[in-house]
Protein backbone atom coordinates (compact mmCIF):
# COMPACT_ATOMS: atom_id res chain seq x y z
CA MET A 1 -44.09 -54.16 -28.91
CA SER A 2 -42.15 -57.36 -27.69
CA ASP A 3 -42.61 -58.74 -24.45
CA SER A 4 -38.82 -57.96 -23.84
CA SER A 5 -39.11 -54.10 -24.66
CA ILE A 6 -42.00 -53.98 -22.35
CA ALA A 7 -40.01 -55.36 -19.72
CA LYS A 8 -36.94 -52.77 -20.54
CA ILE A 9 -39.46 -49.97 -20.29
CA ILE A 10 -40.84 -51.26 -16.59
CA ILE A 11 -37.32 -51.60 -15.63
CA SER A 12 -36.43 -48.09 -16.75
CA PHE A 13 -39.44 -46.94 -15.07
CA LEU A 14 -38.86 -48.74 -11.70
CA ILE A 15 -35.18 -47.43 -11.90
CA LEU A 16 -36.42 -43.85 -12.32
CA LEU A 17 -38.82 -44.10 -9.61
CA THR A 18 -36.38 -45.73 -7.16
CA THR A 19 -33.84 -42.71 -7.70
CA ALA A 20 -36.49 -40.43 -7.09
CA VAL A 21 -37.37 -42.05 -3.86
CA VAL A 22 -33.88 -42.05 -2.86
CA ILE A 23 -33.39 -38.35 -3.66
CA ALA A 24 -36.69 -37.32 -1.93
CA GLN A 25 -35.71 -39.12 0.97
CA GLU A 26 -32.26 -37.43 1.11
CA THR A 27 -33.35 -34.02 0.58
CA ASP A 28 -35.68 -34.83 3.62
CA VAL A 29 -32.95 -36.20 5.48
CA LEU A 30 -30.65 -33.08 5.19
CA GLU A 31 -33.37 -30.37 5.63
CA ARG A 32 -34.47 -31.79 8.96
CA PHE A 33 -30.39 -31.85 9.53
CA ARG A 34 -30.49 -28.27 8.49
CA GLN A 35 -33.20 -27.33 11.18
CA MET A 36 -31.60 -28.92 13.72
CA SER A 37 -28.34 -27.27 13.19
CA LEU A 38 -29.94 -24.03 13.05
CA ARG A 39 -31.33 -24.55 16.61
CA ALA A 40 -28.03 -25.80 17.82
CA GLU A 41 -26.42 -22.48 16.35
CA GLU A 42 -28.97 -20.12 18.21
CA LYS A 43 -28.91 -21.81 21.40
CA GLY A 44 -25.47 -22.10 21.13
CA THR A 45 -24.48 -18.83 20.50
CA ALA A 46 -27.03 -16.99 22.42
CA GLU A 47 -24.38 -15.57 24.89
CA PRO A 48 -21.51 -13.71 23.54
CA PHE A 49 -18.18 -15.53 23.72
CA ARG A 50 -16.20 -15.25 27.08
CA GLY A 51 -14.01 -18.27 26.88
CA ILE A 52 -13.50 -20.86 29.48
CA MET A 53 -13.01 -19.86 32.92
CA ILE A 54 -11.63 -21.35 35.84
CA GLY A 55 -12.31 -20.31 39.42
CA ALA A 56 -13.53 -16.96 40.05
CA GLY A 57 -12.64 -15.20 36.62
CA LEU A 58 -10.63 -14.81 33.35
CA GLN A 59 -6.97 -14.80 34.05
CA PRO A 60 -5.35 -11.89 32.24
CA ASP A 61 -1.99 -11.59 30.03
CA LEU A 62 -1.52 -15.02 29.19
CA PHE A 63 -1.31 -14.59 25.47
CA PRO A 64 1.01 -11.57 24.69
CA ILE A 65 1.25 -10.52 21.04
CA LYS A 66 4.92 -11.32 19.91
CA SER A 67 7.18 -13.46 17.49
CA THR A 68 7.34 -17.22 17.99
CA GLY A 69 10.36 -17.18 15.00
CA VAL A 70 8.12 -20.09 13.31
CA SER A 71 7.17 -18.87 9.89
CA THR A 72 3.47 -19.18 8.99
CA ALA A 73 3.97 -18.62 5.24
CA PRO A 74 3.28 -22.08 4.03
CA VAL A 75 0.14 -21.85 5.70
CA ARG A 76 -0.56 -18.81 4.25
CA ILE A 77 0.49 -19.97 0.68
CA ALA A 78 -1.58 -22.97 1.12
CA ALA A 79 -4.71 -21.11 1.75
CA ASP A 80 -4.10 -18.96 -1.09
CA ALA A 81 -3.77 -21.40 -3.32
CA PHE A 82 -6.93 -23.31 -2.31
CA LEU A 83 -9.17 -20.08 -2.63
CA THR A 84 -7.69 -19.56 -6.15
CA SER A 85 -8.69 -23.17 -6.97
CA LEU A 86 -12.31 -22.36 -6.36
CA THR A 87 -14.88 -20.91 -8.49
CA GLY A 88 -16.63 -17.57 -7.74
CA GLU A 89 -19.81 -19.09 -6.09
CA GLN A 90 -17.72 -21.81 -3.84
CA ARG A 91 -15.30 -18.75 -2.93
CA ALA A 92 -18.04 -16.77 -1.48
CA LYS A 93 -19.47 -19.56 0.32
CA THR A 94 -16.08 -20.38 1.92
CA LEU A 95 -14.71 -16.69 2.97
CA PHE A 96 -15.79 -15.27 6.33
CA ALA A 97 -14.48 -12.25 8.09
CA ALA A 98 -11.76 -12.78 10.40
CA ASP A 99 -13.86 -11.93 13.80
CA ASP A 100 -17.10 -13.64 12.32
CA SER A 101 -19.06 -15.55 14.70
CA GLU A 102 -18.98 -18.36 12.30
CA TRP A 103 -15.85 -19.59 14.24
CA ARG A 104 -18.33 -20.74 16.92
CA LYS A 105 -20.44 -22.52 14.94
CA TRP A 106 -19.28 -26.11 14.74
CA MET A 107 -20.46 -29.47 15.94
CA ASN A 108 -19.03 -32.95 16.26
CA GLN A 109 -22.38 -34.90 15.52
CA HIS A 110 -22.86 -36.27 12.33
CA PHE A 111 -26.18 -34.22 11.48
CA TYR A 112 -24.61 -30.71 11.74
CA GLN A 113 -24.67 -28.64 8.66
CA SER A 114 -21.61 -26.44 9.05
CA GLN A 115 -21.22 -23.48 6.43
CA GLY A 116 -18.31 -23.31 3.99
CA VAL A 117 -17.66 -25.58 1.04
CA ARG A 118 -17.84 -29.34 1.61
CA LEU A 119 -14.93 -31.52 0.59
CA ASP A 120 -17.51 -33.99 -1.33
CA ASP A 121 -18.40 -31.05 -3.69
CA LEU A 122 -14.92 -30.30 -4.73
CA THR A 123 -13.51 -31.60 -7.72
CA GLU A 124 -10.33 -33.86 -7.26
CA ALA A 125 -7.85 -31.07 -7.60
CA GLN A 126 -9.66 -28.72 -5.65
CA ARG A 127 -9.91 -31.24 -2.72
CA GLU A 128 -6.16 -31.79 -2.82
CA SER A 129 -5.77 -28.17 -2.54
CA ALA A 130 -7.76 -27.87 0.57
CA LEU A 131 -5.82 -30.87 2.07
CA ASN A 132 -2.68 -29.07 1.21
CA LEU A 133 -3.71 -26.59 3.30
CA LEU A 134 -4.03 -29.28 6.06
CA ARG A 135 -0.50 -30.42 5.29
CA ALA A 136 0.75 -26.98 5.64
CA SER A 137 -1.09 -26.36 8.96
CA LEU A 138 -0.46 -29.81 10.76
CA SER A 139 2.18 -31.94 11.62
CA ALA A 140 2.62 -35.54 9.88
CA LYS A 141 0.79 -37.01 12.80
CA GLY A 142 -1.79 -34.72 12.78
CA MET A 143 -2.65 -35.19 9.16
CA GLN A 144 -2.70 -38.55 9.62
CA LEU A 145 -5.06 -38.46 12.51
CA SER A 146 -7.66 -36.05 10.44
CA ARG A 147 -7.63 -38.26 7.45
CA ASP A 148 -7.94 -41.44 9.29
CA ILE A 149 -10.99 -39.72 11.19
CA MET A 150 -12.25 -39.33 7.56
CA ARG A 151 -11.66 -42.66 6.84
CA LEU A 152 -13.34 -43.98 9.95
CA ASN A 153 -16.27 -41.86 8.91
CA HIS A 154 -16.84 -44.07 5.68
CA THR A 155 -16.21 -47.09 7.69
CA LEU A 156 -19.15 -46.12 10.27
CA GLY A 157 -21.47 -45.11 7.09
CA GLU A 158 -20.55 -49.31 5.87
CA LEU A 159 -21.52 -50.39 9.45
CA ASP A 160 -24.65 -48.39 9.16
CA GLY A 161 -25.76 -50.12 6.02
CA ASP A 162 -23.93 -48.16 3.70
CA ASN A 163 -25.42 -44.93 4.65
CA PHE A 164 -23.12 -42.65 2.98
CA ILE A 165 -25.96 -39.79 3.02
CA GLU A 166 -25.22 -39.14 6.72
CA PHE A 167 -21.76 -40.54 7.22
CA GLY A 168 -18.75 -40.44 4.52
CA GLU A 169 -14.87 -39.83 4.01
CA TRP A 170 -15.54 -36.01 2.42
CA LEU A 171 -18.65 -34.95 4.41
CA TYR A 172 -16.39 -32.04 5.97
CA SER A 173 -16.56 -28.32 5.30
CA ILE A 174 -13.85 -25.89 5.08
CA SER A 175 -14.09 -21.97 5.89
CA ILE A 176 -11.45 -19.30 5.74
CA MET A 177 -11.53 -16.60 8.14
CA GLY A 178 -10.12 -13.39 6.74
CA GLU A 179 -8.05 -12.90 4.01
CA PRO A 180 -4.90 -14.96 4.24
CA SER A 181 -2.13 -12.55 5.54
CA SER A 182 1.39 -11.96 6.98
CA THR A 183 0.24 -9.23 9.30
CA GLU A 184 -3.41 -9.26 9.60
CA PRO A 185 -5.34 -12.04 11.75
CA TRP A 186 -7.12 -14.50 9.79
CA GLY A 187 -7.35 -18.46 10.13
CA TRP A 188 -9.33 -21.76 8.79
CA GLN A 189 -11.85 -24.20 10.16
CA LEU A 190 -12.55 -27.72 9.13
CA ASP A 191 -15.98 -28.93 10.84
CA GLY A 192 -17.47 -32.63 10.24
CA HIS A 193 -18.04 -35.68 12.23
CA HIS A 194 -15.73 -36.18 14.71
CA LEU A 195 -13.43 -33.50 13.53
CA ILE A 196 -13.09 -30.01 14.06
CA ILE A 197 -10.06 -27.83 13.74
CA ASN A 198 -10.06 -24.20 14.31
CA TYR A 199 -6.81 -22.69 13.24
CA PHE A 200 -5.92 -18.93 13.95
CA VAL A 201 -3.24 -16.99 12.73
CA LEU A 202 -1.67 -13.75 13.44
CA GLY A 203 1.69 -13.03 12.07
CA ASP A 204 3.84 -16.07 12.94
CA GLN A 205 1.44 -16.64 15.92
CA VAL A 206 -1.15 -19.82 15.83
CA VAL A 207 -3.99 -21.01 17.92
CA MET A 208 -5.32 -24.38 17.25
CA SER A 209 -8.31 -24.65 19.30
CA PRO A 210 -11.10 -25.70 19.91
CA ALA A 211 -9.84 -28.82 18.23
CA PHE A 212 -12.02 -32.15 18.26
CA PHE A 213 -10.73 -35.69 17.35
CA GLY A 214 -12.84 -38.79 17.72
CA SER A 215 -14.51 -41.74 15.94
CA GLU A 216 -16.93 -44.49 16.39
CA PRO A 217 -15.69 -46.88 15.60
CA VAL A 218 -11.62 -46.14 16.48
CA ILE A 219 -10.76 -49.17 14.91
CA ALA A 220 -11.98 -50.29 11.59
CA LYS A 221 -12.19 -54.09 11.84
CA SER A 222 -13.81 -54.54 8.10
CA GLY A 223 -14.55 -52.81 5.21
CA LYS A 224 -12.40 -50.26 2.39
CA PHE A 225 -10.39 -49.06 5.58
CA LYS A 226 -9.78 -52.36 7.36
CA GLY A 227 -6.91 -51.96 9.93
CA VAL A 228 -7.15 -47.88 10.30
CA ALA A 229 -7.12 -47.31 13.73
CA ILE A 230 -6.84 -43.69 15.84
CA LEU A 231 -5.96 -42.32 19.38
CA GLN A 232 -4.54 -45.60 20.83
CA GLU A 233 -1.29 -43.76 21.96
CA GLU A 234 -3.52 -41.03 23.81
CA GLN A 235 -5.74 -43.97 25.24
CA ASP A 236 -2.64 -46.04 26.46
CA LYS A 237 -0.47 -43.16 27.59
CA GLY A 238 -3.30 -41.61 29.66
CA LEU A 239 -3.90 -45.01 31.33
CA ALA A 240 -0.29 -45.29 31.89
CA PHE A 241 0.51 -41.96 33.20
CA MET A 242 -2.50 -42.67 35.93
CA LYS A 243 -0.86 -45.88 36.76
CA SER A 244 2.51 -44.32 37.22
CA LEU A 245 1.16 -42.19 39.89
CA SER A 246 1.25 -43.59 43.44
CA LYS A 247 -1.53 -44.78 45.47
CA ILE A 248 -2.30 -41.58 47.33
CA GLN A 249 -1.57 -39.62 44.03
CA GLN A 250 -4.21 -41.62 42.49
CA GLU A 251 -6.48 -41.08 45.22
CA LEU A 252 -6.16 -37.32 44.21
CA ALA A 253 -6.40 -37.62 40.77
CA THR A 254 -9.55 -39.34 40.96
CA LEU A 255 -13.02 -37.87 40.68
CA SER A 256 -15.20 -40.88 40.65
CA THR A 257 -14.32 -44.58 39.77
CA VAL A 258 -17.78 -44.94 38.32
CA LYS A 259 -17.39 -44.23 34.35
CA GLU A 260 -21.08 -43.17 32.75
CA SER A 261 -21.47 -42.72 29.18
CA ARG A 262 -20.07 -39.13 28.29
CA HIS A 263 -17.82 -36.90 30.55
CA ASN A 264 -16.41 -34.23 28.39
CA LEU A 265 -17.25 -30.93 29.28
CA GLY A 266 -15.74 -28.69 26.62
CA GLU A 267 -17.17 -29.96 23.25
CA ALA A 268 -19.31 -28.15 21.00
CA TYR A 269 -21.07 -24.66 22.11
CA LYS A 270 -19.12 -24.69 25.56
CA ASP A 271 -17.06 -21.59 24.87
CA ASN A 272 -18.36 -20.46 28.29
CA ILE A 273 -17.98 -23.01 30.50
CA SER A 274 -16.80 -22.35 34.31
CA LEU A 275 -14.38 -24.82 35.97
CA ASP A 276 -12.26 -25.41 39.07
CA PHE A 277 -9.09 -27.19 39.01
CA ALA A 278 -9.57 -30.76 40.17
CA GLY A 279 -7.32 -33.85 40.78
CA ILE A 280 -3.63 -33.69 41.10
CA ALA A 281 -1.48 -30.81 40.72
CA GLY A 282 1.61 -30.76 38.76
CA ARG A 283 3.41 -29.28 41.58
CA ASP A 284 2.78 -32.57 43.58
CA LEU A 285 4.44 -34.57 40.95
CA SER A 286 8.15 -35.80 40.47
CA ASP A 287 10.35 -34.87 38.30
CA LYS A 288 9.75 -37.82 36.20
CA GLN A 289 6.13 -37.87 36.32
CA LYS A 290 6.06 -34.25 35.34
CA GLU A 291 8.14 -35.32 32.14
CA ASN A 292 5.56 -38.03 31.46
CA LEU A 293 2.54 -35.51 31.85
CA LEU A 294 4.37 -33.24 29.24
CA GLY A 295 4.90 -36.27 27.17
CA LEU A 296 1.04 -37.09 27.20
CA ILE A 297 0.09 -33.63 26.66
CA ARG A 298 2.50 -33.45 23.36
CA LEU A 299 0.65 -36.41 21.79
CA TYR A 300 -2.08 -33.38 21.50
CA ILE A 301 -0.32 -30.17 21.16
CA GLY A 302 1.86 -32.48 18.61
CA ASN A 303 -0.93 -32.49 16.01
CA MET A 304 -0.18 -28.86 15.15
CA SER A 305 3.04 -28.32 13.08
CA ASP A 306 6.37 -29.12 14.69
CA GLY A 307 7.47 -25.52 15.43
CA HIS A 308 4.33 -24.11 16.49
CA ALA A 309 3.73 -27.27 18.73
CA ASP A 310 7.20 -26.44 20.02
CA VAL A 311 6.08 -22.83 20.99
CA LYS A 312 3.06 -24.06 22.66
CA MET A 313 4.46 -26.49 24.67
CA GLU A 314 6.75 -23.84 26.33
CA GLU A 315 3.64 -22.08 27.03
CA VAL A 316 2.46 -25.19 28.49
CA ALA A 317 5.56 -26.12 30.76
CA THR A 318 5.57 -22.36 32.26
CA HIS A 319 2.46 -23.41 33.92
CA LEU A 320 3.06 -26.94 34.98
CA ASP A 321 3.07 -26.59 38.61
CA SER A 322 -0.40 -25.29 37.98
CA THR A 323 -1.76 -27.84 35.61
CA TRP A 324 -4.02 -30.66 36.96
CA PHE A 325 -4.79 -33.98 36.18
CA ALA A 326 -8.14 -35.59 36.45
CA TRP A 327 -9.41 -39.11 36.34
CA ILE A 328 -12.54 -40.76 36.05
CA GLY A 329 -13.22 -44.90 35.62
CA GLU A 330 -11.05 -47.74 36.95
CA THR A 331 -7.56 -48.53 36.08
CA LYS A 332 -7.26 -51.90 34.64
CA ASN A 333 -5.58 -52.42 31.21
CA ASN A 334 -9.01 -52.73 29.22
CA SER A 335 -10.89 -50.29 31.47
CA VAL A 336 -12.89 -47.52 29.94
CA TYR A 337 -12.21 -43.72 31.44
CA TYR A 338 -12.15 -40.26 31.19
CA TYR A 339 -9.07 -37.79 31.82
CA ARG A 340 -8.69 -34.33 31.88
CA VAL A 341 -5.41 -32.20 31.80
CA LEU A 342 -6.52 -28.33 32.66
CA SER A 343 -4.11 -25.40 32.98
CA PRO A 344 -4.26 -21.48 32.72
CA VAL A 345 -3.25 -22.01 29.12
CA LEU A 346 -4.61 -25.88 28.12
CA MET A 347 -7.69 -28.02 28.45
CA ILE A 348 -7.70 -31.61 27.29
CA GLU A 349 -10.44 -33.99 27.55
CA PHE A 350 -10.13 -37.73 26.53
CA ASP A 351 -13.26 -39.62 27.16
CA HIS A 352 -14.61 -43.27 25.94
CA GLN A 353 -18.03 -42.78 25.20
CA GLY A 354 -21.14 -44.51 25.24
CA PRO A 355 -22.26 -45.90 21.63
CA ALA A 356 -23.84 -43.47 19.43
CA ASN A 357 -24.75 -44.84 16.31
CA LEU A 358 -23.29 -48.64 16.56
CA ARG A 359 -25.68 -49.28 19.27
CA GLU A 360 -26.68 -52.80 17.90
CA LEU A 361 -23.09 -53.61 17.62
CA LEU A 362 -21.40 -51.99 20.53
CA GLY A 363 -24.38 -52.34 23.27
CA ASP A 364 -25.14 -49.44 25.67
CA LYS A 365 -22.32 -48.84 27.81
CA PRO A 366 -19.12 -46.76 27.67
CA THR A 367 -16.60 -48.57 24.73
CA ARG A 368 -13.28 -48.38 23.77
CA GLN A 369 -14.37 -48.35 20.06
CA HIS A 370 -15.81 -44.42 20.52
CA ILE A 371 -13.50 -41.88 21.73
CA HIS A 372 -13.69 -38.24 22.19
CA ALA A 373 -10.94 -36.19 22.33
CA VAL A 374 -10.86 -32.35 22.99
CA VAL A 375 -8.19 -29.46 22.92
CA ARG A 376 -9.15 -25.99 24.32
CA THR A 377 -7.63 -22.93 25.26
CA PRO A 378 -8.87 -21.20 28.35
CA ASN A 379 -8.80 -17.48 29.38
CA GLY A 380 -10.34 -16.48 26.55
CA ASN A 381 -8.15 -17.72 23.63
CA ASP A 382 -9.81 -20.21 21.69
CA TYR A 383 -10.10 -19.22 18.49
CA GLY A 384 -7.22 -16.81 18.97
CA LYS A 385 -10.17 -14.43 20.47
CA ASP A 386 -7.75 -12.96 22.89
CA LEU A 387 -4.83 -12.30 20.33
CA LEU A 388 -7.62 -10.69 18.32
CA ARG A 389 -8.85 -8.48 20.88
CA GLN A 390 -5.47 -7.24 21.53
CA HIS A 391 -4.74 -6.82 17.74
CA TYR A 392 -8.17 -4.66 17.35
CA SER A 393 -7.19 -2.78 20.16
CA MET A 394 -3.83 -1.64 19.04
CA HIS A 395 -5.07 -1.21 14.81
CA ALA A 396 -8.09 0.72 13.89
CA HIS A 397 -10.61 -1.82 11.98
């Protein structure tokens, strides 16, 4: 046997050995993540769902079942098309009951192994069908934000030494809760690193919460998706609103001028937190300031399809006087900060976080390159739970 033949055999053996090592390492990582996920689920769902409570108890009768006049047919049609595109095995992984506890099993950390079918396990055509479900449910802005978060997750993988086992554009799972219907409750959930959307449907009513939007980094300065940026308007308009307040109003709104690593209260497995109103109330704002606050809120609600966003904004406006704005941090142009909007029907949080996976690049203090934003529905209607409760009380199941 010639020396060149021996060399080829050795090279082939080394390639096979390297591949086997990589597969073994990936398997070990995923199993470790699976165990971490199971522990998080067990702890996080130990208590039955109650909902975010403000003050002494849940406020009743905030979310009546009614017609909105905004069709959900495009969402239902897109969901049916997605399910049709799946194999029998994929469909079995994707479908859950409308009242399944699976709704509550989401987490924005990258290690979390959610149920449902993963986008990276789909064919290109199947993945496009999944994205069509998002397009039918979200506004153009919401769709752009969602896709850019996925792209920035790839950027994070690049910055972490091309670590695409833990970070990547398609490492997101989608589940369908209940059979898509024009009369029965159902919905869908998208779950992955820095992007979670829970989308509940009953007739022509929609509840899109809890929703989580974020990234580290939030601006791609290099790599495949260089130039992609998210949540800059939410960042800047939050600061602009705070700076539009008078000195006395700012003092009322400010909970602390010291910004620590993380302040969000409503992230994963925080379905039952208890809060009090804090900051400055809408009733203490001028008409122009109220208009600006509604504009800030619309940035978040506007990730829903336009018609259903309008419906939600009408609900928000009804409670504007009892909507509270709170702030943590300074108000310089380059400051890092946290702000919260809290009303009986809405909770929004925006937080500049400390580095998690890019400490070597970003240091250890809160940074504008790591943002978490959360949208919740207090008083028991996250995941559309209050609507579902009312529906079941009226219809035998």
